[in-house]
Amino acid sequence: MPSPAPTLAIDAREVAKTFRSGWFRPRLTDALRGVTLQVPRGAIVGLLGPNGAGKTTFLSILATLLIPDRGTARVLGLDVVRDSMALRRRLNMASGRPSFLWSLRVSEIIAFYGRLYGLSGVALRVRVDKLIEQYELKPYRRVPYSELSTGLKQRVALAKSLVNDPELLFLDEPTLGLDPDVSVRVRAHIAALRRERGMTIVLTTHYMREAEELCDEVAFIKAGRILDAGTPEALKRRIGLGDVIALRLEPAPPAWLGEAPGVLRCATADGWTKCTVDDAEKRLPDLLRQLFADGVTVRNVRVREPELEEVFVELAR
């Protein structure tokens, strides 16, 4: 009997990579300093961090484009170094900075990469036609790459990355520099890949809202190290970032407000009293009842969930 498929799409442990530049006085740059990350099959996982954090280097190692100096990485059950040739047929990658030969037409670009994965003849034509239609590229089929807008280039890169129907897809800054309306459509395509095909997707991004919208789990990386990883909700709880209840009160907020059950901290500025609580849905009714009992008038109430950007700020301190 064949061995069962691994439950992890990615199992990376203590992956390190150092780049050397210069000859006479070589400069060493530690791009990765022991990155450990597990990604379940069928998940969308975001890798977040500032420029130079090591995101692209890590993805390149997982995609077998770079060899790690230390550590191990297994992708789809295969070792990224020993089994690189077998692994490449089962994954693909798209960059937020796509670069294809400027004179090639859209259909020619997709067909070229299809041939690299062994497609030919009718099978290749059918695959190209399907991807062109799926990514709304039909009007641009014969347009040279150099004449495409940034958004269209991104869609070509996504279409190319699906030419081999990969089990695992790496997306490096997939909405970088796109207009908001185009970004929304690209994110919808990414979500559909997991929903309709069960595809595992790992993406890097600077956009916290994008990660919250798309990702089951996120990992924050800085200076080549994973600072923390988990679901957005778990990270917020772990760091102590709760929901924020903003109240406009008359008269001034009572002293007990900062000590009320579930209230993590309270601060007043610009006429608003902002209480960070563990669970707004649970705590807000009790707070309003107690304020009313104390004769405090609540002029306005706003409730906001913490954002991933706040998590990253806390982690990066």
Protein backbone atom coordinates (compact mmCIF):
# COMPACT_ATOMS: atom_id res chain seq x y z
CA MET A 1 0.00 0.00 0.00
CA PRO A 2 1.23 3.53 -0.72
CA SER A 3 2.14 5.57 2.32
CA PRO A 4 -0.50 8.13 3.36
CA ALA A 5 0.00 11.75 2.36
CA PRO A 6 1.59 13.87 5.09
CA THR A 7 -0.77 16.15 7.01
CA LEU A 8 1.77 18.97 6.76
CA ALA A 9 2.35 20.65 3.42
CA ILE A 10 5.45 22.32 4.88
CA ASP A 11 7.63 21.23 7.79
CA ALA A 12 10.62 23.59 8.08
CA ARG A 13 12.96 23.38 11.07
CA GLU A 14 15.77 25.77 12.00
CA VAL A 15 16.30 26.90 8.40
CA ALA A 16 19.23 29.30 8.05
CA LYS A 17 20.70 31.14 5.07
CA THR A 18 23.64 33.55 4.87
CA PHE A 19 24.58 35.54 1.78
CA ARG A 20 28.16 36.56 1.03
CA SER A 21 29.01 39.61 -1.07
CA GLY A 22 32.39 41.00 -2.08
CA TRP A 23 35.79 39.33 -2.51
CA PHE A 24 38.52 41.19 -0.64
CA ARG A 25 36.43 42.12 2.38
CA PRO A 26 33.42 39.84 2.11
CA ARG A 27 30.24 40.99 3.77
CA LEU A 28 27.99 38.35 5.34
CA THR A 29 24.24 38.91 5.58
CA ASP A 30 22.19 36.53 7.71
CA ALA A 31 18.93 36.40 5.76
CA LEU A 32 17.47 33.57 7.87
CA ARG A 33 18.58 32.74 11.42
CA GLY A 34 16.82 29.48 12.19
CA VAL A 35 13.25 29.64 10.89
CA THR A 36 10.81 26.95 12.01
CA LEU A 37 7.34 26.80 10.48
CA GLN A 38 4.68 24.15 9.92
CA VAL A 39 1.88 24.61 7.38
CA PRO A 40 -1.08 22.18 7.28
CA ARG A 41 -2.34 20.90 3.95
CA GLY A 42 -5.17 22.96 2.49
CA ALA A 43 -4.37 26.07 4.56
CA ILE A 44 -3.62 29.63 3.52
CA VAL A 45 -0.72 30.90 5.62
CA GLY A 46 0.67 34.43 5.55
CA LEU A 47 4.29 35.36 6.15
CA LEU A 48 4.40 38.98 7.30
CA GLY A 49 7.32 41.26 7.95
CA PRO A 50 9.19 44.39 6.85
CA ASN A 51 11.48 44.62 3.83
CA GLY A 52 14.63 42.59 4.36
CA ALA A 53 13.02 40.36 6.99
CA GLY A 54 13.76 37.16 5.04
CA LYS A 55 10.32 36.43 3.59
CA THR A 56 11.37 36.00 -0.05
CA THR A 57 14.50 34.03 0.91
CA PHE A 58 12.41 31.60 2.94
CA LEU A 59 9.89 31.13 0.12
CA SER A 60 12.73 30.59 -2.35
CA ILE A 61 14.15 27.80 -0.19
CA LEU A 62 10.76 26.13 0.13
CA ALA A 63 10.32 26.42 -3.65
CA THR A 64 13.75 24.73 -4.17
CA LEU A 65 15.23 27.87 -5.76
CA LEU A 66 17.80 28.29 -2.96
CA ILE A 67 19.62 25.73 -0.82
CA PRO A 68 19.59 26.34 2.95
CA ASP A 69 22.91 26.52 4.77
CA ARG A 70 21.51 24.78 7.84
CA GLY A 71 18.28 23.20 8.99
CA THR A 72 15.79 21.00 7.16
CA ALA A 73 12.67 21.64 5.12
CA ARG A 74 10.19 19.07 3.87
CA VAL A 75 7.52 20.19 1.41
CA LEU A 76 4.66 17.85 0.46
CA GLY A 77 6.59 15.13 2.26
CA LEU A 78 9.76 15.63 0.18
CA ASP A 79 13.12 17.11 1.14
CA VAL A 80 13.70 20.43 -0.63
CA VAL A 81 17.35 19.58 -1.37
CA ARG A 82 17.41 15.83 -2.08
CA ASP A 83 14.02 15.68 -3.82
CA SER A 84 14.00 19.05 -5.55
CA MET A 85 13.36 17.77 -9.08
CA ALA A 86 10.35 15.67 -8.06
CA LEU A 87 9.02 18.47 -5.88
CA ARG A 88 9.11 21.21 -8.51
CA ARG A 89 6.43 19.48 -10.59
CA ARG A 90 4.01 19.71 -7.66
CA LEU A 91 4.36 23.39 -6.76
CA ASN A 92 4.53 26.81 -8.37
CA MET A 93 5.22 30.42 -7.48
CA ALA A 94 4.08 33.90 -8.48
CA SER A 95 5.81 37.15 -7.61
CA GLY A 96 4.32 40.57 -6.97
CA ARG A 97 7.07 41.86 -9.24
CA PRO A 98 6.48 39.63 -12.28
CA SER A 99 9.03 39.82 -15.07
CA PHE A 100 8.53 37.99 -18.35
CA LEU A 101 10.14 38.54 -21.75
CA TRP A 102 8.74 41.89 -22.88
CA SER A 103 7.97 40.82 -26.47
CA LEU A 104 6.03 37.62 -25.63
CA ARG A 105 2.24 37.74 -25.88
CA VAL A 106 0.06 36.67 -22.96
CA SER A 107 -0.82 33.30 -24.49
CA GLU A 108 2.82 32.67 -25.38
CA ILE A 109 3.96 33.30 -21.81
CA ILE A 110 1.51 30.80 -20.32
CA ALA A 111 2.24 28.24 -23.08
CA PHE A 112 6.01 28.57 -22.54
CA TYR A 113 5.71 27.68 -18.86
CA GLY A 114 3.27 24.91 -19.70
CA ARG A 115 5.91 23.29 -21.88
CA LEU A 116 8.40 23.47 -19.01
CA TYR A 117 5.97 21.28 -17.04
CA GLY A 118 5.68 18.77 -19.88
CA LEU A 119 2.44 19.94 -21.50
CA SER A 120 2.15 19.89 -25.28
CA GLY A 121 -0.32 19.64 -28.14
CA VAL A 122 -4.03 19.69 -27.37
CA ALA A 123 -3.50 19.42 -23.60
CA LEU A 124 -1.36 22.56 -23.64
CA ARG A 125 -3.83 24.54 -25.76
CA VAL A 126 -6.74 23.56 -23.55
CA ARG A 127 -4.82 24.54 -20.41
CA VAL A 128 -3.78 27.92 -21.83
CA ASP A 129 -7.33 28.70 -22.99
CA LYS A 130 -8.78 27.77 -19.59
CA LEU A 131 -6.36 29.97 -17.65
CA ILE A 132 -6.81 32.91 -20.01
CA GLU A 133 -10.57 32.71 -19.55
CA GLN A 134 -10.37 32.14 -15.79
CA TYR A 135 -8.23 35.24 -15.24
CA GLU A 136 -10.19 37.42 -17.68
CA LEU A 137 -7.27 37.78 -20.07
CA LYS A 138 -9.12 36.94 -23.30
CA PRO A 139 -9.05 40.53 -24.68
CA TYR A 140 -5.27 40.62 -24.06
CA ARG A 141 -4.41 37.18 -25.42
CA ARG A 142 -2.23 38.55 -28.24
CA VAL A 143 -1.00 41.67 -26.42
CA PRO A 144 2.78 41.82 -25.76
CA TYR A 145 3.75 41.73 -22.11
CA SER A 146 5.39 45.17 -22.32
CA GLU A 147 2.01 46.77 -23.14
CA LEU A 148 0.14 45.37 -20.13
CA SER A 149 -0.84 47.36 -17.06
CA THR A 150 0.51 46.39 -13.64
CA GLY A 151 -2.75 44.69 -12.72
CA LEU A 152 -2.80 42.66 -15.93
CA LYS A 153 0.80 41.60 -15.40
CA GLN A 154 -0.20 40.31 -11.97
CA ARG A 155 -3.03 38.30 -13.47
CA VAL A 156 -0.68 36.81 -16.06
CA ALA A 157 1.70 35.82 -13.25
CA LEU A 158 -1.14 34.13 -11.37
CA ALA A 159 -2.29 32.31 -14.51
CA LYS A 160 1.25 31.13 -15.18
CA SER A 161 1.57 29.86 -11.60
CA LEU A 162 -1.41 27.53 -12.12
CA VAL A 163 -0.30 26.01 -15.41
CA ASN A 164 0.74 22.75 -13.70
CA ASP A 165 -2.26 22.68 -11.32
CA PRO A 166 0.06 22.77 -8.28
CA GLU A 167 -0.67 21.23 -4.91
CA LEU A 168 1.20 24.08 -3.21
CA LEU A 169 1.34 27.68 -4.40
CA PHE A 170 3.76 30.37 -3.20
CA LEU A 171 2.67 33.99 -3.69
CA ASP A 172 5.27 36.68 -3.01
CA GLU A 173 3.49 40.02 -2.44
CA PRO A 174 0.62 39.13 -4.82
CA THR A 175 -1.10 42.54 -4.63
CA LEU A 176 1.98 44.76 -4.45
CA GLY A 177 1.35 48.12 -6.13
CA LEU A 178 -2.12 47.23 -7.39
CA ASP A 179 -5.12 49.56 -7.34
CA PRO A 180 -7.59 48.70 -4.57
CA ASP A 181 -10.23 47.34 -6.94
CA VAL A 182 -7.69 45.08 -8.66
CA SER A 183 -6.37 43.91 -5.28
CA VAL A 184 -9.87 42.85 -4.25
CA ARG A 185 -10.21 40.73 -7.39
CA VAL A 186 -6.80 39.13 -6.94
CA ARG A 187 -7.63 38.23 -3.33
CA ALA A 188 -10.93 36.73 -4.50
CA HIS A 189 -9.00 34.54 -6.98
CA ILE A 190 -6.64 33.40 -4.20
CA ALA A 191 -9.51 32.50 -1.86
CA ALA A 192 -11.23 30.59 -4.67
CA LEU A 193 -8.13 28.45 -5.27
CA ARG A 194 -8.30 27.07 -1.75
CA ARG A 195 -12.10 26.87 -1.67
CA GLU A 196 -12.52 25.14 -5.03
CA ARG A 197 -9.32 23.09 -5.28
CA GLY A 198 -8.18 22.61 -1.69
CA MET A 199 -4.84 24.15 -2.66
CA THR A 200 -2.28 25.00 0.03
CA ILE A 201 -1.12 28.61 -0.32
CA VAL A 202 1.72 30.46 1.38
CA LEU A 203 1.85 34.18 0.73
CA THR A 204 4.03 37.06 1.83
CA THR A 205 2.50 40.47 2.27
CA HIS A 206 2.96 43.85 3.89
CA TYR A 207 -0.79 44.37 4.07
CA MET A 208 -2.22 43.33 7.41
CA ARG A 209 -5.83 43.57 6.23
CA GLU A 210 -5.03 41.24 3.34
CA ALA A 211 -3.58 38.68 5.75
CA GLU A 212 -6.60 38.89 8.06
CA GLU A 213 -8.98 38.47 5.13
CA LEU A 214 -7.22 35.52 3.49
CA CYS A 215 -5.11 33.62 6.00
CA ASP A 216 -5.96 30.82 8.42
CA GLU A 217 -2.66 31.45 10.18
CA VAL A 218 0.04 34.10 10.04
CA ALA A 219 3.70 34.12 10.98
CA PHE A 220 5.59 37.33 11.73
CA ILE A 221 9.22 37.40 10.63
CA LYS A 222 11.84 40.02 11.39
CA ALA A 223 15.63 39.96 10.86
CA GLY A 224 15.46 36.34 9.74
CA ARG A 225 13.57 35.02 12.75
CA ILE A 226 9.93 34.06 13.31
CA LEU A 227 8.69 36.28 16.13
CA ASP A 228 5.39 34.45 16.58
CA ALA A 229 2.85 32.44 14.59
CA GLY A 230 -0.76 31.34 14.91
CA THR A 231 -4.26 32.37 13.99
CA PRO A 232 -4.88 36.14 14.04
CA GLU A 233 -7.25 35.71 16.98
CA ALA A 234 -4.77 33.61 18.98
CA LEU A 235 -1.96 36.10 18.40
CA LYS A 236 -4.11 38.98 19.60
CA ARG A 237 -5.03 37.09 22.76
CA ARG A 238 -1.45 36.00 23.38
CA ILE A 239 -0.13 39.54 23.17
CA GLY A 240 -2.98 40.96 25.23
CA LEU A 241 -4.60 42.93 22.44
CA GLY A 242 -8.32 42.82 23.12
CA ASP A 243 -11.35 44.49 21.62
CA VAL A 244 -11.53 48.26 22.09
CA ILE A 245 -14.72 49.82 23.45
CA ALA A 246 -14.66 53.61 22.96
CA LEU A 247 -17.14 55.57 25.10
CA ARG A 248 -18.10 59.24 25.11
CA LEU A 249 -19.24 59.81 28.69
CA GLU A 250 -20.78 62.62 30.75
CA PRO A 251 -19.57 63.35 33.34
CA ALA A 252 -15.98 62.04 33.51
CA PRO A 253 -15.49 58.25 33.55
CA PRO A 254 -15.79 56.70 37.03
CA ALA A 255 -12.68 55.38 38.75
CA TRP A 256 -13.94 51.78 38.76
CA LEU A 257 -14.03 51.57 34.96
CA GLY A 258 -10.36 50.59 34.59
CA GLU A 259 -10.76 47.84 37.23
CA ALA A 260 -14.00 46.31 35.91
CA PRO A 261 -13.98 42.58 35.07
CA GLY A 262 -12.50 41.88 31.66
CA VAL A 263 -11.05 45.38 31.23
CA LEU A 264 -7.33 45.14 30.39
CA ARG A 265 -6.62 48.87 30.32
CA CYS A 266 -8.38 52.23 29.99
CA ALA A 267 -7.28 55.60 28.64
CA THR A 268 -9.06 58.91 27.98
CA ALA A 269 -8.17 61.31 25.15
CA ASP A 270 -10.05 63.81 22.97
CA GLY A 271 -13.28 63.23 24.87
CA TRP A 272 -13.25 59.44 24.34
CA THR A 273 -12.59 56.80 26.98
CA LYS A 274 -11.09 53.74 25.31
CA CYS A 275 -11.31 50.47 27.22
CA THR A 276 -9.42 47.44 25.93
CA VAL A 277 -11.36 44.34 26.96
CA ASP A 278 -10.96 40.61 26.54
CA ASP A 279 -14.36 40.21 24.82
CA ALA A 280 -16.47 43.22 23.80
CA GLU A 281 -19.64 41.21 23.22
CA LYS A 282 -19.41 39.80 26.72
CA ARG A 283 -18.28 42.93 28.61
CA LEU A 284 -20.16 45.80 26.93
CA PRO A 285 -23.65 45.07 28.38
CA ASP A 286 -22.28 44.89 31.95
CA LEU A 287 -20.31 48.12 31.52
CA LEU A 288 -23.34 49.98 30.14
CA ARG A 289 -25.58 48.72 32.96
CA GLN A 290 -23.09 49.81 35.65
CA LEU A 291 -22.54 53.21 34.03
CA PHE A 292 -26.30 53.78 33.89
CA ALA A 293 -26.63 52.75 37.54
CA ASP A 294 -23.96 55.31 38.47
CA GLY A 295 -25.81 58.08 36.62
CA VAL A 296 -23.20 58.35 33.85
CA THR A 297 -24.62 59.32 30.45
CA VAL A 298 -23.22 57.39 27.48
CA ARG A 299 -23.32 59.78 24.51
CA ASN A 300 -21.70 57.44 22.00
CA VAL A 301 -20.22 53.93 21.78
CA ARG A 302 -17.83 52.43 19.27
CA VAL A 303 -16.43 48.90 19.25
CA ARG A 304 -13.33 47.89 17.29
CA GLU A 305 -11.44 44.63 17.05
CA PRO A 306 -7.63 44.77 17.22
CA GLU A 307 -5.79 44.55 13.91
CA LEU A 308 -2.80 42.44 12.90
CA GLU A 309 -0.78 45.61 12.45
CA GLU A 310 -1.04 46.21 16.19
CA VAL A 311 0.16 42.66 16.81
CA PHE A 312 3.18 43.24 14.60
CA VAL A 313 3.99 46.55 16.32
CA GLU A 314 3.93 44.81 19.68
CA LEU A 315 6.07 41.91 18.47
CA ALA A 316 8.63 44.16 16.78
CA ARG A 317 9.36 46.21 19.88
